[in-house]
Amino acid sequence: MYLLFNSNKMFFLFILIFSTMISISSNSWFGCWIGLEINLLSFIPLITNSNNLLSSEASLKYFLTQSIASMNFLFSILIKMTLMKNFEMNNLISIMINSSLLMKMGSAPFHFWFPNISEGLSWFNNFIMMTWQKITPMILLSYYLNMNFLYYIIMLNTIIGALGGINQTSLRKMMAFSSINNLGWMIFSIMISENLWMFYFFTYSTLISIMFFLFYIMNMFFINQLFINNINFMIKLNLLINFLSLGGLPPFIGFLPKWIIINFLMINKLNIMALIMLMSSLITIYFYIRIIYSSFLFNYTKMKWFKIFFKNNFMKLINFTSMISIMGMTLSTFLFM
């Protein structure tokens, strides 16, 4: 919330939004690259905080990784434009362009920077990095897909995202690995259709915005904080619903885009890929349930002097979104009949 009362931060936030518009509306690769650079240079002032060494370190790591990805992207474009005058599909160049964009969005196997940086950021900056910062690379990726290469990338994303989150005690790192897992599904959705990707992206953004807001309000960064905090039952229930929805459990709306993708996989006889993606989803649901289980069922100490109060409007909004999450699948069933 500090960001909303700081004019400098607001200025950089607007530039961040406009830089994405520049990239996705550009009619040349060079224009796309310029948009990506503006985006990078506007996000760094948002994440730097002179009072927090972790965020300063995170901003430096972010700058270095994004610069390397941008250099690779520019290098690939220049090679394509100079050495290969006719812009036909070339395997090596498409892999280079795809790899640099995958590195920009924190996809496996270029994901090593992503959990480390998320650990040093606030919940709001994490939200931007896990949602808005993925829009530009994802849309640019859809212009120049190398299908065979991306199938392996999707499988890597889902497996690494699932296995990486199991051993984490930090909520931020856990959400980062969850984001890597969902990125695999997102890349596959953009390979199917842009509308499906927009739907998946919107549902994912809504779900993590609610969870990040709850974590921010409760000032939570680690799982063990859930044992000692005197949390309101409704907040716990909302966390449960949104976590299960994000994991893709059937009655919730988070399952709907995954259902469409699984359906597409089965029609196209991609059974092994469907199995890997489903199994990884089960693992992510396991570590989400671990968070909820600890906050619901453990006999934790209640500190009488520590209570979390919500403004009624915020709580009504969160309850409303949770109701949509529960009802979403029921409504969608009628739509698809």
C-alpha atoms as a PDB file:
ATOM      1  CA  MET A   1       0.000   0.000   0.000  1.00  0.00           C
ATOM      2  CA  TYR A   2       3.078   2.184   0.461  1.00  0.00           C
ATOM      3  CA  LEU A   3       3.248   2.272  -3.336  1.00  0.00           C
ATOM      4  CA  LEU A   4      -0.124   4.004  -3.663  1.00  0.00           C
ATOM      5  CA  PHE A   5       0.996   6.967  -1.539  1.00  0.00           C
ATOM      6  CA  ASN A   6       4.366   7.438  -3.219  1.00  0.00           C
ATOM      7  CA  SER A   7       4.279   9.561  -6.379  1.00  0.00           C
ATOM      8  CA  ASN A   8       7.631   8.264  -7.678  1.00  0.00           C
ATOM      9  CA  LYS A   9       6.532   4.653  -7.349  1.00  0.00           C
ATOM     10  CA  MET A  10       3.202   5.449  -9.022  1.00  0.00           C
ATOM     11  CA  PHE A  11       5.060   7.106 -11.922  1.00  0.00           C
ATOM     12  CA  PHE A  12       7.160   3.971 -12.500  1.00  0.00           C
ATOM     13  CA  LEU A  13       4.059   1.778 -12.186  1.00  0.00           C
ATOM     14  CA  PHE A  14       2.375   3.710 -15.018  1.00  0.00           C
ATOM     15  CA  ILE A  15       5.521   3.398 -17.177  1.00  0.00           C
ATOM     16  CA  LEU A  16       5.525  -0.351 -16.423  1.00  0.00           C
ATOM     17  CA  ILE A  17       1.942  -0.630 -17.713  1.00  0.00           C
ATOM     18  CA  PHE A  18       2.595   1.495 -20.818  1.00  0.00           C
ATOM     19  CA  SER A  19       5.808  -0.395 -21.690  1.00  0.00           C
ATOM     20  CA  THR A  20       3.767  -3.605 -21.944  1.00  0.00           C
ATOM     21  CA  MET A  21       1.344  -1.815 -24.277  1.00  0.00           C
ATOM     22  CA  ILE A  22       4.298  -0.634 -26.416  1.00  0.00           C
ATOM     23  CA  SER A  23       5.613  -4.210 -26.759  1.00  0.00           C
ATOM     24  CA  ILE A  24       2.353  -5.960 -27.555  1.00  0.00           C
ATOM     25  CA  SER A  25       1.183  -3.279 -30.020  1.00  0.00           C
ATOM     26  CA  SER A  26       4.512  -2.955 -31.847  1.00  0.00           C
ATOM     27  CA  ASN A  27       4.709  -4.080 -35.491  1.00  0.00           C
ATOM     28  CA  SER A  28       8.453  -4.806 -35.417  1.00  0.00           C
ATOM     29  CA  TRP A  29      10.719  -7.002 -33.280  1.00  0.00           C
ATOM     30  CA  PHE A  30      12.852  -3.964 -32.494  1.00  0.00           C
ATOM     31  CA  GLY A  31       9.818  -2.142 -31.065  1.00  0.00           C
ATOM     32  CA  CYS A  32       9.054  -5.203 -28.934  1.00  0.00           C
ATOM     33  CA  TRP A  33      12.625  -5.150 -27.598  1.00  0.00           C
ATOM     34  CA  ILE A  34      12.373  -1.432 -26.724  1.00  0.00           C
ATOM     35  CA  GLY A  35       9.137  -2.131 -24.804  1.00  0.00           C
ATOM     36  CA  LEU A  36      10.858  -4.930 -22.880  1.00  0.00           C
ATOM     37  CA  GLU A  37      13.762  -2.625 -21.955  1.00  0.00           C
ATOM     38  CA  ILE A  38      11.455   0.156 -20.715  1.00  0.00           C
ATOM     39  CA  ASN A  39       9.563  -2.474 -18.737  1.00  0.00           C
ATOM     40  CA  LEU A  40      12.778  -3.674 -17.079  1.00  0.00           C
ATOM     41  CA  LEU A  41      13.995  -0.158 -16.221  1.00  0.00           C
ATOM     42  CA  SER A  42      10.618   0.823 -14.734  1.00  0.00           C
ATOM     43  CA  PHE A  43      10.287  -2.312 -12.576  1.00  0.00           C
ATOM     44  CA  ILE A  44      13.686  -1.956 -10.884  1.00  0.00           C
ATOM     45  CA  PRO A  45      12.811   1.332  -9.041  1.00  0.00           C
ATOM     46  CA  LEU A  46       9.603  -0.347  -7.832  1.00  0.00           C
ATOM     47  CA  ILE A  47      11.450  -3.230  -6.169  1.00  0.00           C
ATOM     48  CA  THR A  48      14.422  -1.325  -4.725  1.00  0.00           C
ATOM     49  CA  ASN A  49      14.126  -0.346  -1.092  1.00  0.00           C
ATOM     50  CA  SER A  50      17.073   1.319   0.649  1.00  0.00           C
ATOM     51  CA  ASN A  51      15.886   0.038   4.062  1.00  0.00           C
ATOM     52  CA  ASN A  52      15.850  -3.601   2.939  1.00  0.00           C
ATOM     53  CA  LEU A  53      19.075  -5.278   1.788  1.00  0.00           C
ATOM     54  CA  LEU A  54      17.205  -8.309   0.413  1.00  0.00           C
ATOM     55  CA  SER A  55      15.171  -6.160  -2.002  1.00  0.00           C
ATOM     56  CA  SER A  56      18.304  -4.293  -3.171  1.00  0.00           C
ATOM     57  CA  GLU A  57      19.985  -7.631  -3.858  1.00  0.00           C
ATOM     58  CA  ALA A  58      16.839  -8.866  -5.626  1.00  0.00           C
ATOM     59  CA  SER A  59      16.732  -5.777  -7.870  1.00  0.00           C
ATOM     60  CA  LEU A  60      20.380  -6.291  -8.901  1.00  0.00           C
ATOM     61  CA  LYS A  61      19.785 -10.008  -9.660  1.00  0.00           C
ATOM     62  CA  TYR A  62      16.635  -9.112 -11.599  1.00  0.00           C
ATOM     63  CA  PHE A  63      18.511  -6.480 -13.632  1.00  0.00           C
ATOM     64  CA  LEU A  64      21.335  -8.890 -14.539  1.00  0.00           C
ATOM     65  CA  THR A  65      19.113 -11.793 -15.607  1.00  0.00           C
ATOM     66  CA  GLN A  66      16.725  -9.590 -17.587  1.00  0.00           C
ATOM     67  CA  SER A  67      19.659  -7.816 -19.300  1.00  0.00           C
ATOM     68  CA  ILE A  68      21.135 -11.159 -20.397  1.00  0.00           C
ATOM     69  CA  ALA A  69      17.720 -12.248 -21.725  1.00  0.00           C
ATOM     70  CA  SER A  70      17.292  -8.906 -23.556  1.00  0.00           C
ATOM     71  CA  MET A  71      20.774  -9.200 -25.114  1.00  0.00           C
ATOM     72  CA  ASN A  72      19.979 -12.720 -26.341  1.00  0.00           C
ATOM     73  CA  PHE A  73      16.648 -11.515 -27.726  1.00  0.00           C
ATOM     74  CA  LEU A  74      18.234  -8.575 -29.579  1.00  0.00           C
ATOM     75  CA  PHE A  75      21.098 -10.754 -30.864  1.00  0.00           C
ATOM     76  CA  SER A  76      18.631 -13.355 -32.208  1.00  0.00           C
ATOM     77  CA  ILE A  77      16.532 -10.691 -33.949  1.00  0.00           C
ATOM     78  CA  LEU A  78      19.578  -9.048 -35.546  1.00  0.00           C
ATOM     79  CA  ILE A  79      20.894 -12.406 -36.829  1.00  0.00           C
ATOM     80  CA  LYS A  80      17.463 -13.191 -38.231  1.00  0.00           C
ATOM     81  CA  MET A  81      17.205  -9.800 -39.960  1.00  0.00           C
ATOM     82  CA  THR A  82      20.746  -9.650 -41.358  1.00  0.00           C
ATOM     83  CA  LEU A  83      21.774 -13.219 -42.198  1.00  0.00           C
ATOM     84  CA  MET A  84      18.343 -14.528 -43.126  1.00  0.00           C
ATOM     85  CA  LYS A  85      16.621 -11.903 -45.229  1.00  0.00           C
ATOM     86  CA  ASN A  86      13.469 -13.940 -45.790  1.00  0.00           C
ATOM     87  CA  PHE A  87      11.802 -14.352 -42.413  1.00  0.00           C
ATOM     88  CA  GLU A  88      10.936 -18.061 -42.750  1.00  0.00           C
ATOM     89  CA  MET A  89      10.913 -20.419 -39.758  1.00  0.00           C
ATOM     90  CA  ASN A  90      14.426 -21.365 -38.783  1.00  0.00           C
ATOM     91  CA  ASN A  91      14.827 -23.912 -35.993  1.00  0.00           C
ATOM     92  CA  LEU A  92      17.925 -22.549 -34.240  1.00  0.00           C
ATOM     93  CA  ILE A  93      16.839 -18.897 -34.319  1.00  0.00           C
ATOM     94  CA  SER A  94      13.313 -19.735 -33.114  1.00  0.00           C
ATOM     95  CA  ILE A  95      14.810 -21.690 -30.177  1.00  0.00           C
ATOM     96  CA  MET A  96      17.069 -18.692 -29.359  1.00  0.00           C
ATOM     97  CA  ILE A  97      14.171 -16.205 -29.449  1.00  0.00           C
ATOM     98  CA  ASN A  98      11.905 -18.559 -27.463  1.00  0.00           C
ATOM     99  CA  SER A  99      14.657 -19.207 -24.873  1.00  0.00           C
ATOM    100  CA  SER A 100      15.316 -15.497 -24.277  1.00  0.00           C
ATOM    101  CA  LEU A 101      11.571 -14.859 -23.782  1.00  0.00           C
ATOM    102  CA  LEU A 102      11.280 -17.897 -21.475  1.00  0.00           C
ATOM    103  CA  MET A 103      14.188 -16.535 -19.423  1.00  0.00           C
ATOM    104  CA  LYS A 104      12.389 -13.180 -19.173  1.00  0.00           C
ATOM    105  CA  MET A 105       9.268 -14.786 -17.695  1.00  0.00           C
ATOM    106  CA  GLY A 106      11.176 -17.069 -15.305  1.00  0.00           C
ATOM    107  CA  SER A 107      10.354 -20.342 -17.030  1.00  0.00           C
ATOM    108  CA  ALA A 108      12.261 -23.594 -16.422  1.00  0.00           C
ATOM    109  CA  PRO A 109      15.092 -24.396 -17.215  1.00  0.00           C
ATOM    110  CA  PHE A 110      15.956 -20.652 -16.899  1.00  0.00           C
ATOM    111  CA  HIS A 111      14.067 -20.361 -13.595  1.00  0.00           C
ATOM    112  CA  PHE A 112      16.966 -20.243 -11.088  1.00  0.00           C
ATOM    113  CA  TRP A 113      16.675 -16.468 -10.543  1.00  0.00           C
ATOM    114  CA  PHE A 114      12.907 -16.506  -9.994  1.00  0.00           C
ATOM    115  CA  PRO A 115      12.474 -18.011  -6.464  1.00  0.00           C
ATOM    116  CA  ASN A 116      15.551 -16.154  -5.127  1.00  0.00           C
ATOM    117  CA  ILE A 117      14.285 -12.797  -6.331  1.00  0.00           C
ATOM    118  CA  SER A 118      10.722 -13.423  -5.100  1.00  0.00           C
ATOM    119  CA  GLU A 119      12.157 -13.993  -1.598  1.00  0.00           C
ATOM    120  CA  GLY A 120      13.461 -10.412  -1.533  1.00  0.00           C
ATOM    121  CA  LEU A 121      10.279  -8.705  -2.751  1.00  0.00           C
ATOM    122  CA  SER A 122       7.143  -7.475  -1.004  1.00  0.00           C
ATOM    123  CA  TRP A 123       3.836  -9.232  -1.720  1.00  0.00           C
ATOM    124  CA  PHE A 124       2.725  -6.455  -4.098  1.00  0.00           C
ATOM    125  CA  ASN A 125       5.960  -6.605  -6.125  1.00  0.00           C
ATOM    126  CA  ASN A 126       5.710 -10.402  -6.174  1.00  0.00           C
ATOM    127  CA  PHE A 127       2.203 -10.056  -7.569  1.00  0.00           C
ATOM    128  CA  ILE A 128       3.468  -7.782 -10.380  1.00  0.00           C
ATOM    129  CA  MET A 129       6.378 -10.120 -11.156  1.00  0.00           C
ATOM    130  CA  MET A 130       4.165 -13.225 -11.254  1.00  0.00           C
ATOM    131  CA  THR A 131       1.362 -11.690 -13.337  1.00  0.00           C
ATOM    132  CA  TRP A 132       1.965  -8.442 -15.254  1.00  0.00           C
ATOM    133  CA  GLN A 133       5.636  -9.162 -16.069  1.00  0.00           C
ATOM    134  CA  LYS A 134       4.607 -12.376 -17.848  1.00  0.00           C
ATOM    135  CA  ILE A 135       2.216 -10.693 -20.310  1.00  0.00           C
ATOM    136  CA  THR A 136       4.787  -9.226 -22.746  1.00  0.00           C
ATOM    137  CA  PRO A 137       7.101 -12.283 -23.066  1.00  0.00           C
ATOM    138  CA  MET A 138       4.083 -14.589 -23.367  1.00  0.00           C
ATOM    139  CA  ILE A 139       2.480 -12.607 -26.202  1.00  0.00           C
ATOM    140  CA  LEU A 140       5.827 -12.217 -28.013  1.00  0.00           C
ATOM    141  CA  LEU A 141       6.320 -15.987 -27.612  1.00  0.00           C
ATOM    142  CA  SER A 142       2.967 -16.615 -29.324  1.00  0.00           C
ATOM    143  CA  TYR A 143       4.242 -14.748 -32.437  1.00  0.00           C
ATOM    144  CA  TYR A 144       7.094 -17.194 -32.989  1.00  0.00           C
ATOM    145  CA  LEU A 145       6.379 -20.583 -31.450  1.00  0.00           C
ATOM    146  CA  ASN A 146       8.662 -23.579 -31.816  1.00  0.00           C
ATOM    147  CA  MET A 147       6.180 -26.314 -30.888  1.00  0.00           C
ATOM    148  CA  ASN A 148       8.582 -29.261 -30.425  1.00  0.00           C
ATOM    149  CA  PHE A 149      10.921 -27.213 -28.210  1.00  0.00           C
ATOM    150  CA  LEU A 150       8.035 -25.850 -26.122  1.00  0.00           C
ATOM    151  CA  TYR A 151       6.570 -29.312 -25.402  1.00  0.00           C
ATOM    152  CA  TYR A 152       9.747 -30.176 -23.470  1.00  0.00           C
ATOM    153  CA  ILE A 153       9.731 -26.746 -21.781  1.00  0.00           C
ATOM    154  CA  ILE A 154       6.112 -27.228 -20.629  1.00  0.00           C
ATOM    155  CA  MET A 155       6.916 -30.633 -19.120  1.00  0.00           C
ATOM    156  CA  LEU A 156      10.004 -29.182 -17.383  1.00  0.00           C
ATOM    157  CA  ASN A 157       7.950 -26.282 -15.993  1.00  0.00           C
ATOM    158  CA  THR A 158       5.246 -28.481 -14.546  1.00  0.00           C
ATOM    159  CA  ILE A 159       7.723 -30.971 -13.008  1.00  0.00           C
ATOM    160  CA  ILE A 160      10.175 -28.385 -11.569  1.00  0.00           C
ATOM    161  CA  GLY A 161       7.324 -26.150 -10.328  1.00  0.00           C
ATOM    162  CA  ALA A 162       5.756 -29.098  -8.490  1.00  0.00           C
ATOM    163  CA  LEU A 163       8.903 -30.684  -7.027  1.00  0.00           C
ATOM    164  CA  GLY A 164      10.571 -27.372  -6.131  1.00  0.00           C
ATOM    165  CA  GLY A 165       7.686 -26.231  -3.926  1.00  0.00           C
ATOM    166  CA  ILE A 166       7.535 -29.371  -1.742  1.00  0.00           C
ATOM    167  CA  ASN A 167      10.519 -28.618   0.477  1.00  0.00           C
ATOM    168  CA  GLN A 168       9.895 -24.873   0.948  1.00  0.00           C
ATOM    169  CA  THR A 169       9.019 -23.205   4.232  1.00  0.00           C
ATOM    170  CA  SER A 170       8.906 -19.695   2.753  1.00  0.00           C
ATOM    171  CA  LEU A 171       5.488 -18.759   1.369  1.00  0.00           C
ATOM    172  CA  ARG A 172       7.072 -16.458  -1.244  1.00  0.00           C
ATOM    173  CA  LYS A 173       9.320 -19.214  -2.628  1.00  0.00           C
ATOM    174  CA  MET A 174       6.410 -21.639  -2.569  1.00  0.00           C
ATOM    175  CA  MET A 175       4.285 -19.220  -4.593  1.00  0.00           C
ATOM    176  CA  ALA A 176       7.225 -18.697  -6.996  1.00  0.00           C
ATOM    177  CA  PHE A 177       7.442 -22.446  -7.694  1.00  0.00           C
ATOM    178  CA  SER A 178       3.656 -22.543  -8.005  1.00  0.00           C
ATOM    179  CA  SER A 179       3.967 -19.751 -10.593  1.00  0.00           C
ATOM    180  CA  ILE A 180       6.563 -21.812 -12.537  1.00  0.00           C
ATOM    181  CA  ASN A 181       4.141 -24.771 -12.525  1.00  0.00           C
ATOM    182  CA  ASN A 182       1.243 -22.616 -13.738  1.00  0.00           C
ATOM    183  CA  LEU A 183       3.510 -21.106 -16.396  1.00  0.00           C
ATOM    184  CA  GLY A 184       3.739 -24.547 -18.026  1.00  0.00           C
ATOM    185  CA  TRP A 185      -0.059 -24.657 -18.299  1.00  0.00           C
ATOM    186  CA  MET A 186      -0.120 -21.044 -19.513  1.00  0.00           C
ATOM    187  CA  ILE A 187       2.388 -21.686 -22.320  1.00  0.00           C
ATOM    188  CA  PHE A 188       0.294 -24.644 -23.452  1.00  0.00           C
ATOM    189  CA  SER A 189      -2.886 -22.540 -23.324  1.00  0.00           C
ATOM    190  CA  ILE A 190      -1.342 -19.866 -25.599  1.00  0.00           C
ATOM    191  CA  MET A 191      -0.318 -22.647 -28.026  1.00  0.00           C
ATOM    192  CA  ILE A 192      -3.999 -23.666 -28.208  1.00  0.00           C
ATOM    193  CA  SER A 193      -5.596 -20.193 -28.436  1.00  0.00           C
ATOM    194  CA  GLU A 194      -5.075 -16.650 -27.217  1.00  0.00           C
ATOM    195  CA  ASN A 195      -8.572 -16.498 -25.685  1.00  0.00           C
ATOM    196  CA  LEU A 196      -7.881 -19.574 -23.552  1.00  0.00           C
ATOM    197  CA  TRP A 197      -4.597 -18.008 -22.414  1.00  0.00           C
ATOM    198  CA  MET A 198      -6.402 -14.770 -21.462  1.00  0.00           C
ATOM    199  CA  PHE A 199      -8.976 -16.751 -19.471  1.00  0.00           C
ATOM    200  CA  TYR A 200      -6.284 -18.824 -17.710  1.00  0.00           C
ATOM    201  CA  PHE A 201      -4.184 -15.720 -16.999  1.00  0.00           C
ATOM    202  CA  PHE A 202      -7.170 -13.797 -15.620  1.00  0.00           C
ATOM    203  CA  THR A 203      -8.275 -16.618 -13.280  1.00  0.00           C
ATOM    204  CA  TYR A 204      -4.682 -17.189 -12.084  1.00  0.00           C
ATOM    205  CA  SER A 205      -4.142 -13.444 -11.462  1.00  0.00           C
ATOM    206  CA  THR A 206      -7.409 -13.115  -9.539  1.00  0.00           C
ATOM    207  CA  LEU A 207      -6.650 -16.108  -7.300  1.00  0.00           C
ATOM    208  CA  ILE A 208      -3.097 -15.089  -6.415  1.00  0.00           C
ATOM    209  CA  SER A 209      -4.121 -11.443  -5.889  1.00  0.00           C
ATOM    210  CA  ILE A 210      -6.560 -12.561  -3.151  1.00  0.00           C
ATOM    211  CA  MET A 211      -3.947 -14.793  -1.486  1.00  0.00           C
ATOM    212  CA  PHE A 212      -1.180 -12.193  -1.678  1.00  0.00           C
ATOM    213  CA  PHE A 213      -3.541  -9.590  -0.230  1.00  0.00           C
ATOM    214  CA  LEU A 214      -4.380 -11.873   2.702  1.00  0.00           C
ATOM    215  CA  PHE A 215      -0.686 -12.633   3.301  1.00  0.00           C
ATOM    216  CA  TYR A 216       0.099  -8.895   3.128  1.00  0.00           C
ATOM    217  CA  ILE A 217      -2.636  -7.974   5.624  1.00  0.00           C
ATOM    218  CA  MET A 218      -1.512 -10.717   8.042  1.00  0.00           C
ATOM    219  CA  ASN A 219       2.188  -9.894   7.441  1.00  0.00           C
ATOM    220  CA  MET A 220       2.992 -13.542   6.714  1.00  0.00           C
ATOM    221  CA  PHE A 221       6.087 -14.793   4.928  1.00  0.00           C
ATOM    222  CA  PHE A 222       6.676 -18.295   6.369  1.00  0.00           C
ATOM    223  CA  ILE A 223       4.499 -21.372   6.990  1.00  0.00           C
ATOM    224  CA  ASN A 224       5.220 -21.474  10.741  1.00  0.00           C
ATOM    225  CA  GLN A 225       3.562 -18.042  11.137  1.00  0.00           C
ATOM    226  CA  LEU A 226       0.260 -19.760  10.374  1.00  0.00           C
ATOM    227  CA  PHE A 227       0.611 -21.795  13.612  1.00  0.00           C
ATOM    228  CA  ILE A 228       0.848 -18.839  15.966  1.00  0.00           C
ATOM    229  CA  ASN A 229      -1.402 -16.245  14.355  1.00  0.00           C
ATOM    230  CA  ASN A 230      -4.874 -15.705  15.737  1.00  0.00           C
ATOM    231  CA  ILE A 231      -6.577 -15.840  12.351  1.00  0.00           C
ATOM    232  CA  ASN A 232     -10.264 -15.233  11.749  1.00  0.00           C
ATOM    233  CA  PHE A 233     -12.093 -18.372  10.554  1.00  0.00           C
ATOM    234  CA  MET A 234     -13.424 -16.629   7.419  1.00  0.00           C
ATOM    235  CA  ILE A 235      -9.882 -15.681   6.368  1.00  0.00           C
ATOM    236  CA  LYS A 236      -8.831 -19.317   6.786  1.00  0.00           C
ATOM    237  CA  LEU A 237     -11.809 -20.473   4.721  1.00  0.00           C
ATOM    238  CA  ASN A 238     -11.000 -17.988   1.951  1.00  0.00           C
ATOM    239  CA  LEU A 239      -7.371 -19.155   1.927  1.00  0.00           C
ATOM    240  CA  LEU A 240      -8.547 -22.779   1.668  1.00  0.00           C
ATOM    241  CA  ILE A 241     -10.931 -22.075  -1.225  1.00  0.00           C
ATOM    242  CA  ASN A 242      -8.442 -20.002  -3.212  1.00  0.00           C
ATOM    243  CA  PHE A 243      -5.532 -22.400  -2.665  1.00  0.00           C
ATOM    244  CA  LEU A 244      -7.590 -25.391  -3.808  1.00  0.00           C
ATOM    245  CA  SER A 245      -8.874 -23.394  -6.777  1.00  0.00           C
ATOM    246  CA  LEU A 246      -5.311 -22.442  -7.751  1.00  0.00           C
ATOM    247  CA  GLY A 247      -4.264 -26.094  -7.474  1.00  0.00           C
ATOM    248  CA  GLY A 248      -7.051 -27.010  -9.901  1.00  0.00           C
ATOM    249  CA  LEU A 249      -9.421 -29.067  -7.761  1.00  0.00           C
ATOM    250  CA  PRO A 250     -12.647 -29.838  -9.723  1.00  0.00           C
ATOM    251  CA  PRO A 251     -15.486 -27.920  -8.006  1.00  0.00           C
ATOM    252  CA  PHE A 252     -13.527 -24.641  -8.163  1.00  0.00           C
ATOM    253  CA  ILE A 253     -13.110 -22.272 -11.108  1.00  0.00           C
ATOM    254  CA  GLY A 254      -9.323 -22.825 -11.232  1.00  0.00           C
ATOM    255  CA  PHE A 255     -10.028 -26.280 -12.659  1.00  0.00           C
ATOM    256  CA  LEU A 256     -11.961 -24.964 -15.686  1.00  0.00           C
ATOM    257  CA  PRO A 257      -9.002 -23.719 -17.848  1.00  0.00           C
ATOM    258  CA  LYS A 258      -7.008 -26.830 -16.833  1.00  0.00           C
ATOM    259  CA  TRP A 259      -9.969 -28.992 -17.841  1.00  0.00           C
ATOM    260  CA  ILE A 260     -10.040 -27.384 -21.312  1.00  0.00           C
ATOM    261  CA  ILE A 261      -6.272 -27.966 -21.722  1.00  0.00           C
ATOM    262  CA  ILE A 262      -6.551 -31.612 -20.559  1.00  0.00           C
ATOM    263  CA  ASN A 263      -9.450 -32.110 -22.985  1.00  0.00           C
ATOM    264  CA  PHE A 264      -7.291 -30.739 -25.837  1.00  0.00           C
ATOM    265  CA  LEU A 265      -4.384 -33.015 -24.818  1.00  0.00           C
ATOM    266  CA  MET A 266      -6.623 -36.101 -24.830  1.00  0.00           C
ATOM    267  CA  ILE A 267      -8.166 -35.245 -28.235  1.00  0.00           C
ATOM    268  CA  ASN A 268      -4.684 -34.829 -29.743  1.00  0.00           C
ATOM    269  CA  LYS A 269      -3.447 -38.116 -28.202  1.00  0.00           C
ATOM    270  CA  LEU A 270      -0.799 -36.379 -26.065  1.00  0.00           C
ATOM    271  CA  ASN A 271      -1.398 -38.831 -23.213  1.00  0.00           C
ATOM    272  CA  ILE A 272       2.096 -38.797 -21.630  1.00  0.00           C
ATOM    273  CA  MET A 273       2.091 -35.021 -21.499  1.00  0.00           C
ATOM    274  CA  ALA A 274      -1.403 -35.008 -19.957  1.00  0.00           C
ATOM    275  CA  LEU A 275      -0.253 -37.517 -17.316  1.00  0.00           C
ATOM    276  CA  ILE A 276       2.844 -35.441 -16.397  1.00  0.00           C
ATOM    277  CA  MET A 277       0.813 -32.219 -16.151  1.00  0.00           C
ATOM    278  CA  LEU A 278      -1.901 -33.863 -14.031  1.00  0.00           C
ATOM    279  CA  MET A 279       0.580 -35.540 -11.671  1.00  0.00           C
ATOM    280  CA  SER A 280       2.421 -32.237 -11.168  1.00  0.00           C
ATOM    281  CA  SER A 281      -0.909 -30.563 -10.375  1.00  0.00           C
ATOM    282  CA  LEU A 282      -1.534 -33.185  -7.673  1.00  0.00           C
ATOM    283  CA  ILE A 283       1.848 -32.387  -6.090  1.00  0.00           C
ATOM    284  CA  THR A 284       1.069 -28.642  -6.061  1.00  0.00           C
ATOM    285  CA  ILE A 285      -2.298 -29.359  -4.404  1.00  0.00           C
ATOM    286  CA  TYR A 286      -0.374 -31.378  -1.781  1.00  0.00           C
ATOM    287  CA  PHE A 287       1.820 -28.469  -0.738  1.00  0.00           C
ATOM    288  CA  TYR A 288      -1.142 -26.046  -0.788  1.00  0.00           C
ATOM    289  CA  ILE A 289      -3.091 -28.388   1.507  1.00  0.00           C
ATOM    290  CA  ARG A 290      -0.051 -28.518   3.822  1.00  0.00           C
ATOM    291  CA  ILE A 291      -0.375 -24.751   4.377  1.00  0.00           C
ATOM    292  CA  ILE A 292      -4.122 -24.959   4.974  1.00  0.00           C
ATOM    293  CA  TYR A 293      -3.865 -28.079   7.176  1.00  0.00           C
ATOM    294  CA  SER A 294      -1.427 -26.341   9.514  1.00  0.00           C
ATOM    295  CA  SER A 295      -3.594 -23.231   9.876  1.00  0.00           C
ATOM    296  CA  PHE A 296      -6.870 -25.188  10.295  1.00  0.00           C
ATOM    297  CA  LEU A 297      -6.079 -28.224  12.397  1.00  0.00           C
ATOM    298  CA  PHE A 298      -3.002 -27.498  14.521  1.00  0.00           C
ATOM    299  CA  ASN A 299      -3.557 -26.529  18.137  1.00  0.00           C
ATOM    300  CA  TYR A 300      -1.662 -23.263  17.895  1.00  0.00           C
ATOM    301  CA  THR A 301      -1.170 -20.669  20.620  1.00  0.00           C
ATOM    302  CA  LYS A 302      -3.628 -17.802  20.577  1.00  0.00           C
ATOM    303  CA  MET A 303      -2.078 -14.494  21.498  1.00  0.00           C
ATOM    304  CA  LYS A 304      -4.790 -12.350  23.032  1.00  0.00           C
ATOM    305  CA  TRP A 305      -3.053  -9.048  22.241  1.00  0.00           C
ATOM    306  CA  PHE A 306      -2.675  -9.904  18.560  1.00  0.00           C
ATOM    307  CA  LYS A 307      -5.809  -9.807  16.449  1.00  0.00           C
ATOM    308  CA  ILE A 308      -6.231  -9.172  12.748  1.00  0.00           C
ATOM    309  CA  PHE A 309      -9.084  -6.826  11.866  1.00  0.00           C
ATOM    310  CA  PHE A 310     -10.356  -6.374   8.322  1.00  0.00           C
ATOM    311  CA  LYS A 311     -12.354  -3.499   6.960  1.00  0.00           C
ATOM    312  CA  ASN A 312     -15.805  -4.828   6.063  1.00  0.00           C
ATOM    313  CA  ASN A 313     -15.525  -3.807   2.387  1.00  0.00           C
ATOM    314  CA  PHE A 314     -12.314  -5.805   1.889  1.00  0.00           C
ATOM    315  CA  MET A 315     -13.783  -8.875   3.552  1.00  0.00           C
ATOM    316  CA  LYS A 316     -16.974  -8.635   1.461  1.00  0.00           C
ATOM    317  CA  LEU A 317     -14.895  -8.437  -1.720  1.00  0.00           C
ATOM    318  CA  ILE A 318     -12.770 -11.465  -0.741  1.00  0.00           C
ATOM    319  CA  ASN A 319     -15.888 -13.467   0.225  1.00  0.00           C
ATOM    320  CA  PHE A 320     -17.503 -12.530  -3.101  1.00  0.00           C
ATOM    321  CA  THR A 321     -14.490 -13.708  -5.136  1.00  0.00           C
ATOM    322  CA  SER A 322     -14.391 -16.945  -3.124  1.00  0.00           C
ATOM    323  CA  MET A 323     -18.076 -17.516  -3.909  1.00  0.00           C
ATOM    324  CA  ILE A 324     -17.323 -17.010  -7.628  1.00  0.00           C
ATOM    325  CA  SER A 325     -14.507 -19.539  -7.268  1.00  0.00           C
ATOM    326  CA  ILE A 326     -16.900 -22.132  -5.806  1.00  0.00           C
ATOM    327  CA  MET A 327     -19.797 -21.349  -8.146  1.00  0.00           C
ATOM    328  CA  GLY A 328     -17.587 -20.920 -11.234  1.00  0.00           C
ATOM    329  CA  MET A 329     -17.478 -24.590 -12.126  1.00  0.00           C
ATOM    330  CA  THR A 330     -21.240 -24.991 -11.653  1.00  0.00           C
ATOM    331  CA  LEU A 331     -21.965 -21.990 -13.900  1.00  0.00           C
ATOM    332  CA  SER A 332     -19.471 -23.186 -16.519  1.00  0.00           C
ATOM    333  CA  THR A 333     -21.138 -26.628 -16.609  1.00  0.00           C
ATOM    334  CA  PHE A 334     -24.389 -24.945 -17.722  1.00  0.00           C
ATOM    335  CA  LEU A 335     -22.483 -22.860 -20.294  1.00  0.00           C
ATOM    336  CA  PHE A 336     -20.872 -25.938 -21.889  1.00  0.00           C
ATOM    337  CA  MET A 337     -24.101 -27.985 -21.992  1.00  0.00           C
END
